[in-house]
Amino acid sequence: MSGSAPTVAVVGAGAWGTTLAAIVAKREPVVLVTHRPEVAEEINRSHRNERRLPGIDLPEALVASADTELLRGATELVIFAVPSSHLRSVAGEAGPLMPPTADVLSVVKGLENGSLLRMSEVIAQATGIDPARIAALSGPNLATEIAQGLPASAVVAADDPALAARTAERLGRREFRLYVNRDILGVELCGALKNVIAIAAGAADGLGFGDNGKAGLMTRGLAEMIRLGAAAGANRLTFAGLAGIGDVIATCGSGLSRNHRLGEELAKGRSWAEIEATLPGTAEGAYTVDAALALADRYGVEMPIAREVHNALFEGKSVQRCLIDLLSRESKDELEDLG
């Protein structure tokens, strides 16, 4: 099979896109579509992506290219793994090249500013393809650990159960266990919103709030996610699954999380403008928080943690003041608005 042409393409050579391409390449050829030709050349020459996945050897069946025309050969599956802020332009360019037979998978975690669309909706709108062809994958998926072969789980969501099952079968491995879910709305909201909470958790760690304080912050952050998800029509149980609490635990607790690291850096008194250029990849929570708050306003939902993350990032409010203000909020029934 290694000599055959790839029928699977991954668009985006960041850590997650490269990791997923490597997973596919263990069974079949895959093309990793990069934005920059020099990145493709490095990957093909060294079988590594040192900038995004240092020290990880990539399978020979993984071929990188900056030539988007190769998407024409991806007759079975196209995976989008680019930053949320670039997804619309990238998908728009890819759309005319994608075969009508290809399933589409979004692994992008975010909400689009302005439109407030989820990532699968952005892909559908930008490419003009039927939304029923698009699935979403989310969960506690720190790319470096998965690339190292450590065990992980995720969920593939789609309105069409057959699409979710096909995608899970293709990507699933013993060490990468995949479940399916029909609640693509909830799964995508989880993937977007947990990054905002992870920034707050990183800030709490940076200020030395302790495990009790961070556990409370994570739990109340999850409550915010559930409130918004339920108001938007998602299944509350999705937030108790891999895309919800599973991903909250991973991104709020791991030093590998870029969003957690962003919160730690904010706690040092650095500004978002200073931090942005120094992060090894995209901290999606910073690009999602305003869209999340706008969506909350649309549904009349309160999100105090997300509001303080916005204040710390864009209003110049100190992280310490933000967290103190959260702690000073009036106590209420824990289950209010969650029933």
Protein backbone atom coordinates (compact mmCIF):
# COMPACT_ATOMS: atom_id res chain seq x y z
CA MET A 1 0.00 0.00 0.00
CA SER A 2 2.95 2.30 0.59
CA GLY A 3 3.47 2.69 -3.14
CA SER A 4 -0.07 3.86 -3.84
CA ALA A 5 -1.16 7.47 -4.11
CA PRO A 6 -2.56 9.03 -0.92
CA THR A 7 -6.34 9.26 -0.70
CA VAL A 8 -6.14 11.08 2.65
CA ALA A 9 -4.88 14.64 3.10
CA VAL A 10 -4.22 16.66 6.24
CA VAL A 11 -4.27 20.43 5.76
CA GLY A 12 -2.04 22.15 8.28
CA ALA A 13 1.42 21.12 9.49
CA GLY A 14 1.19 22.28 13.08
CA ALA A 15 1.74 19.84 15.93
CA TRP A 16 -1.77 18.38 15.77
CA GLY A 17 -1.98 18.17 11.99
CA THR A 18 1.44 16.50 11.81
CA THR A 19 0.48 14.07 14.56
CA LEU A 20 -2.74 13.04 12.82
CA ALA A 21 -0.92 12.65 9.52
CA ALA A 22 1.60 10.39 11.27
CA ILE A 23 -1.23 8.29 12.72
CA VAL A 24 -2.74 7.80 9.26
CA ALA A 25 0.67 7.09 7.71
CA LYS A 26 1.18 4.06 9.94
CA ARG A 27 -1.47 2.30 7.83
CA GLU A 28 -1.62 4.12 4.51
CA PRO A 29 -0.01 6.95 2.54
CA VAL A 30 -1.03 10.49 3.47
CA VAL A 31 -0.19 13.94 2.16
CA LEU A 32 0.42 16.70 4.70
CA VAL A 33 -0.40 20.02 3.03
CA THR A 34 1.75 22.83 4.42
CA HIS A 35 1.56 26.58 3.98
CA ARG A 36 5.31 27.01 3.50
CA PRO A 37 7.38 25.04 0.96
CA GLU A 38 10.45 25.07 3.22
CA VAL A 39 8.49 23.25 5.93
CA ALA A 40 7.46 20.57 3.44
CA GLU A 41 11.06 20.22 2.27
CA GLU A 42 12.33 19.80 5.83
CA ILE A 43 9.71 17.15 6.64
CA ASN A 44 10.42 15.18 3.47
CA ARG A 45 14.18 15.40 3.94
CA SER A 46 14.44 14.58 7.63
CA HIS A 47 11.11 12.82 8.31
CA ARG A 48 10.67 15.21 11.20
CA ASN A 49 8.82 18.43 11.93
CA GLU A 50 11.28 19.84 14.43
CA ARG A 51 9.54 23.19 14.73
CA ARG A 52 6.24 21.70 15.89
CA LEU A 53 7.07 18.15 17.04
CA PRO A 54 10.73 18.13 18.05
CA GLY A 55 12.36 14.72 18.33
CA ILE A 56 9.48 12.78 16.73
CA ASP A 57 10.28 10.56 13.75
CA LEU A 58 7.56 10.59 11.09
CA PRO A 59 6.59 7.56 8.95
CA GLU A 60 7.93 7.36 5.41
CA ALA A 61 4.37 7.08 4.10
CA LEU A 62 3.84 10.70 5.18
CA VAL A 63 4.69 13.10 2.35
CA ALA A 64 4.51 16.85 2.87
CA SER A 65 3.78 19.37 0.15
CA ALA A 66 2.84 23.02 -0.28
CA ASP A 67 1.01 22.15 -3.52
CA THR A 68 -2.70 22.32 -2.76
CA GLU A 69 -3.44 20.62 -6.09
CA LEU A 70 -2.65 17.34 -4.34
CA LEU A 71 -5.99 17.70 -2.57
CA ARG A 72 -7.58 16.48 -5.79
CA GLY A 73 -6.28 13.03 -4.97
CA ALA A 74 -7.75 12.96 -1.45
CA THR A 75 -10.83 11.06 -2.54
CA GLU A 76 -11.59 9.55 0.87
CA LEU A 77 -10.77 12.02 3.65
CA VAL A 78 -9.59 15.63 4.06
CA ILE A 79 -8.64 16.75 7.57
CA PHE A 80 -8.45 20.46 8.41
CA ALA A 81 -5.93 21.24 11.17
CA VAL A 82 -5.12 24.93 10.78
CA PRO A 83 -5.55 27.77 13.30
CA SER A 84 -9.15 28.94 13.60
CA SER A 85 -8.27 32.45 12.46
CA HIS A 86 -6.99 31.09 9.13
CA LEU A 87 -9.55 28.36 8.56
CA ARG A 88 -11.94 30.33 6.35
CA SER A 89 -9.26 31.41 3.87
CA VAL A 90 -7.58 27.98 3.81
CA ALA A 91 -10.87 26.13 3.37
CA GLY A 92 -11.94 28.55 0.65
CA GLU A 93 -8.79 27.77 -1.30
CA ALA A 94 -9.15 24.04 -0.73
CA GLY A 95 -12.84 23.80 -1.57
CA PRO A 96 -12.63 23.72 -5.39
CA LEU A 97 -9.89 21.08 -5.19
CA MET A 98 -11.63 18.63 -2.86
CA PRO A 99 -13.15 15.54 -4.50
CA PRO A 100 -16.92 15.17 -4.07
CA THR A 101 -16.38 11.70 -2.58
CA ALA A 102 -14.20 12.88 0.30
CA ASP A 103 -15.34 12.92 3.89
CA VAL A 104 -14.18 16.04 5.76
CA LEU A 105 -12.94 16.22 9.33
CA SER A 106 -12.33 19.37 11.38
CA VAL A 107 -9.90 19.11 14.28
CA VAL A 108 -9.83 22.90 14.75
CA LYS A 109 -11.03 24.13 18.16
CA GLY A 110 -12.51 27.60 18.08
CA LEU A 111 -15.32 29.97 17.15
CA GLU A 112 -15.10 32.47 14.31
CA ASN A 113 -15.17 36.09 15.41
CA GLY A 114 -17.96 38.10 13.83
CA SER A 115 -19.99 35.20 12.45
CA LEU A 116 -19.76 33.18 15.71
CA LEU A 117 -19.77 30.04 13.56
CA ARG A 118 -18.31 26.75 14.71
CA MET A 119 -15.39 25.39 12.72
CA SER A 120 -17.39 22.78 10.80
CA GLU A 121 -19.80 25.56 9.83
CA VAL A 122 -16.92 27.74 8.63
CA ILE A 123 -15.64 24.88 6.46
CA ALA A 124 -19.09 24.26 5.00
CA GLN A 125 -19.62 27.93 4.23
CA ALA A 126 -16.14 28.53 2.82
CA THR A 127 -16.04 25.41 0.65
CA GLY A 128 -19.70 25.24 -0.32
CA ILE A 129 -19.87 21.54 0.54
CA ASP A 130 -22.77 19.82 2.28
CA PRO A 131 -22.44 20.15 6.09
CA ALA A 132 -23.54 16.51 6.33
CA ARG A 133 -20.12 15.54 4.94
CA ILE A 134 -18.24 17.20 7.81
CA ALA A 135 -17.30 15.61 11.13
CA ALA A 136 -15.42 17.08 14.08
CA LEU A 137 -12.84 15.47 16.37
CA SER A 138 -12.18 16.74 19.87
CA GLY A 139 -10.99 15.56 23.26
CA PRO A 140 -7.96 15.60 25.58
CA ASN A 141 -5.46 15.52 22.72
CA LEU A 142 -2.09 17.03 23.61
CA ALA A 143 -0.31 16.41 20.33
CA THR A 144 3.16 15.73 21.70
CA GLU A 145 1.97 12.90 23.93
CA ILE A 146 -0.01 11.27 21.12
CA ALA A 147 2.92 11.61 18.73
CA GLN A 148 5.04 9.80 21.32
CA GLY A 149 2.59 6.90 21.29
CA LEU A 150 1.13 7.55 24.74
CA PRO A 151 -2.49 6.45 25.24
CA ALA A 152 -5.24 8.97 24.49
CA SER A 153 -8.93 9.11 23.66
CA ALA A 154 -11.10 11.43 21.62
CA VAL A 155 -14.59 11.68 20.18
CA VAL A 156 -15.64 12.01 16.55
CA ALA A 157 -18.94 13.83 16.14
CA ALA A 158 -21.19 14.12 13.10
CA ASP A 159 -24.87 14.43 12.34
CA ASP A 160 -24.44 11.29 10.22
CA PRO A 161 -23.48 8.32 12.45
CA ALA A 162 -22.00 6.48 9.47
CA LEU A 163 -19.59 9.38 8.79
CA ALA A 164 -18.48 9.43 12.42
CA ALA A 165 -17.97 5.66 12.40
CA ARG A 166 -15.94 5.72 9.15
CA THR A 167 -13.72 8.47 10.49
CA ALA A 168 -13.21 6.77 13.85
CA GLU A 169 -12.33 3.49 12.16
CA ARG A 170 -9.77 5.16 9.91
CA LEU A 171 -8.01 7.17 12.63
CA GLY A 172 -8.52 4.97 15.66
CA ARG A 173 -5.66 2.92 17.06
CA ARG A 174 -5.15 0.85 20.21
CA GLU A 175 -3.27 3.80 21.73
CA PHE A 176 -5.68 6.38 20.24
CA ARG A 177 -9.16 5.25 21.22
CA LEU A 178 -12.00 7.00 19.41
CA TYR A 179 -15.66 7.20 20.39
CA VAL A 180 -18.53 8.62 18.33
CA ASN A 181 -21.21 11.19 19.17
CA ARG A 182 -24.07 12.69 17.14
CA ASP A 183 -23.88 16.01 19.05
CA ILE A 184 -21.44 17.87 16.80
CA LEU A 185 -22.72 21.19 18.19
CA GLY A 186 -21.79 20.22 21.74
CA VAL A 187 -18.47 18.63 20.82
CA GLU A 188 -17.34 21.71 18.91
CA LEU A 189 -18.47 24.10 21.63
CA CYS A 190 -16.55 22.05 24.18
CA GLY A 191 -13.41 22.19 22.06
CA ALA A 192 -13.65 25.94 21.71
CA LEU A 193 -14.70 26.94 25.22
CA LYS A 194 -12.32 24.76 27.24
CA ASN A 195 -9.36 26.74 25.85
CA VAL A 196 -10.71 29.88 27.50
CA ILE A 197 -10.96 28.10 30.84
CA ALA A 198 -7.41 26.77 30.41
CA ILE A 199 -6.09 30.34 30.20
CA ALA A 200 -7.71 31.09 33.55
CA ALA A 201 -6.32 27.87 35.02
CA GLY A 202 -2.82 28.74 33.84
CA ALA A 203 -3.15 32.16 35.45
CA ALA A 204 -4.25 30.55 38.72
CA ASP A 205 -1.21 28.28 38.63
CA GLY A 206 1.01 31.24 37.86
CA LEU A 207 -0.25 33.05 40.92
CA GLY A 208 0.10 29.99 43.14
CA PHE A 209 -3.60 29.56 43.89
CA GLY A 210 -3.08 25.87 44.67
CA ASP A 211 -4.89 22.71 43.59
CA ASN A 212 -8.10 23.48 45.47
CA GLY A 213 -8.40 26.90 43.90
CA LYS A 214 -7.72 25.59 40.42
CA ALA A 215 -10.16 22.69 40.84
CA GLY A 216 -12.88 25.18 41.76
CA LEU A 217 -12.03 27.36 38.78
CA MET A 218 -12.12 24.39 36.40
CA THR A 219 -15.44 23.17 37.78
CA ARG A 220 -17.10 26.56 37.55
CA GLY A 221 -15.59 26.99 34.10
CA LEU A 222 -17.23 23.75 33.05
CA ALA A 223 -20.51 25.10 34.42
CA GLU A 224 -20.13 28.12 32.11
CA MET A 225 -19.52 25.81 29.17
CA ILE A 226 -22.62 23.75 29.99
CA ARG A 227 -24.81 26.84 30.38
CA LEU A 228 -23.85 28.16 26.97
CA GLY A 229 -23.99 24.75 25.30
CA ALA A 230 -27.45 23.98 26.66
CA ALA A 231 -28.74 27.39 25.62
CA ALA A 232 -27.41 26.79 22.10
CA GLY A 233 -29.14 23.41 21.90
CA ALA A 234 -26.29 21.00 22.72
CA ASN A 235 -26.64 17.83 24.78
CA ARG A 236 -25.54 18.49 28.37
CA LEU A 237 -24.09 14.99 28.60
CA THR A 238 -21.54 15.83 25.91
CA PHE A 239 -19.91 18.21 28.40
CA ALA A 240 -19.41 15.29 30.80
CA GLY A 241 -17.52 13.38 28.11
CA LEU A 242 -14.12 13.45 26.43
CA ALA A 243 -14.66 16.71 24.55
CA GLY A 244 -15.90 18.39 27.73
CA ILE A 245 -14.50 17.48 31.11
CA GLY A 246 -11.81 15.28 29.54
CA ASP A 247 -10.34 18.15 27.56
CA VAL A 248 -10.79 20.58 30.46
CA ILE A 249 -8.65 18.33 32.66
CA ALA A 250 -5.92 18.02 30.02
CA THR A 251 -5.67 21.64 28.95
CA CYS A 252 -6.08 23.11 32.42
CA GLY A 253 -3.54 20.80 34.00
CA SER A 254 -0.75 20.25 31.50
CA GLY A 255 2.32 22.32 30.83
CA LEU A 256 2.03 21.14 27.22
CA SER A 257 -1.14 23.22 26.79
CA ARG A 258 -0.45 26.50 24.99
CA ASN A 259 -3.55 28.05 26.56
CA HIS A 260 -2.38 27.10 30.05
CA ARG A 261 1.03 28.55 29.25
CA LEU A 262 -0.58 31.77 28.07
CA GLY A 263 -2.33 32.10 31.43
CA GLU A 264 0.94 31.52 33.28
CA GLU A 265 2.64 34.22 31.22
CA LEU A 266 -0.21 36.66 31.85
CA ALA A 267 0.23 36.02 35.58
CA LYS A 268 3.83 37.25 35.25
CA GLY A 269 2.49 40.63 34.19
CA ARG A 270 3.23 40.21 30.48
CA SER A 271 0.74 41.50 27.93
CA TRP A 272 -0.97 39.41 25.25
CA ALA A 273 0.89 41.39 22.59
CA GLU A 274 4.21 40.36 24.16
CA ILE A 275 3.24 36.73 24.62
CA GLU A 276 1.57 36.03 21.28
CA ALA A 277 4.72 35.97 19.18
CA THR A 278 6.63 33.78 21.62
CA LEU A 279 4.18 30.88 21.97
CA PRO A 280 5.12 27.64 20.16
CA GLY A 281 1.87 27.52 18.22
CA THR A 282 -1.58 29.03 18.59
CA ALA A 283 -3.33 29.60 21.93
CA GLU A 284 -6.83 29.30 20.50
CA GLY A 285 -8.51 30.55 23.67
CA ALA A 286 -7.27 34.07 23.03
CA TYR A 287 -8.91 34.10 19.61
CA THR A 288 -12.11 32.45 20.85
CA VAL A 289 -12.98 34.32 24.04
CA ASP A 290 -14.66 37.33 22.41
CA ALA A 291 -16.75 35.12 20.13
CA ALA A 292 -17.72 33.01 23.16
CA LEU A 293 -18.84 36.12 25.04
CA ALA A 294 -20.81 37.36 22.03
CA LEU A 295 -22.51 33.96 21.79
CA ALA A 296 -23.27 34.13 25.51
CA ASP A 297 -24.84 37.55 25.00
CA ARG A 298 -26.93 36.14 22.17
CA TYR A 299 -28.38 33.46 24.45
CA GLY A 300 -28.51 35.53 27.62
CA VAL A 301 -25.95 33.37 29.41
CA GLU A 302 -23.52 34.57 32.07
CA MET A 303 -19.83 33.61 31.67
CA PRO A 304 -17.85 35.44 34.39
CA ILE A 305 -14.62 33.45 33.96
CA ALA A 306 -14.56 34.05 30.21
CA ARG A 307 -15.27 37.74 30.87
CA GLU A 308 -12.25 38.03 33.16
CA VAL A 309 -10.06 36.21 30.62
CA HIS A 310 -11.09 38.86 28.10
CA ASN A 311 -10.26 41.60 30.61
CA ALA A 312 -6.81 40.17 31.24
CA LEU A 313 -6.04 39.76 27.54
CA PHE A 314 -7.50 42.89 26.03
CA GLU A 315 -8.39 45.43 28.74
CA GLY A 316 -5.10 45.60 30.63
CA LYS A 317 -6.62 44.26 33.85
CA SER A 318 -4.15 42.42 36.04
CA VAL A 319 -4.63 38.66 36.34
CA GLN A 320 -4.54 38.95 40.12
CA ARG A 321 -7.37 41.49 40.07
CA CYS A 322 -9.37 39.30 37.68
CA LEU A 323 -9.11 36.26 39.94
CA ILE A 324 -9.84 38.26 43.07
CA ASP A 325 -12.97 39.66 41.43
CA LEU A 326 -14.09 36.14 40.55
CA LEU A 327 -13.59 35.03 44.16
CA SER A 328 -15.58 38.05 45.36
CA ARG A 329 -18.70 37.15 43.39
CA GLU A 330 -21.86 36.53 45.38
CA SER A 331 -22.44 32.88 46.30
CA LYS A 332 -25.43 31.15 44.70
CA ASP A 333 -27.06 27.75 44.18
CA GLU A 334 -24.42 25.54 42.55
CA LEU A 335 -26.87 23.96 40.13
CA GLU A 336 -28.59 27.18 39.11
CA ASP A 337 -28.99 27.37 35.31
CA LEU A 338 -27.67 23.82 34.94
CA GLY A 339 -30.91 21.93 35.33
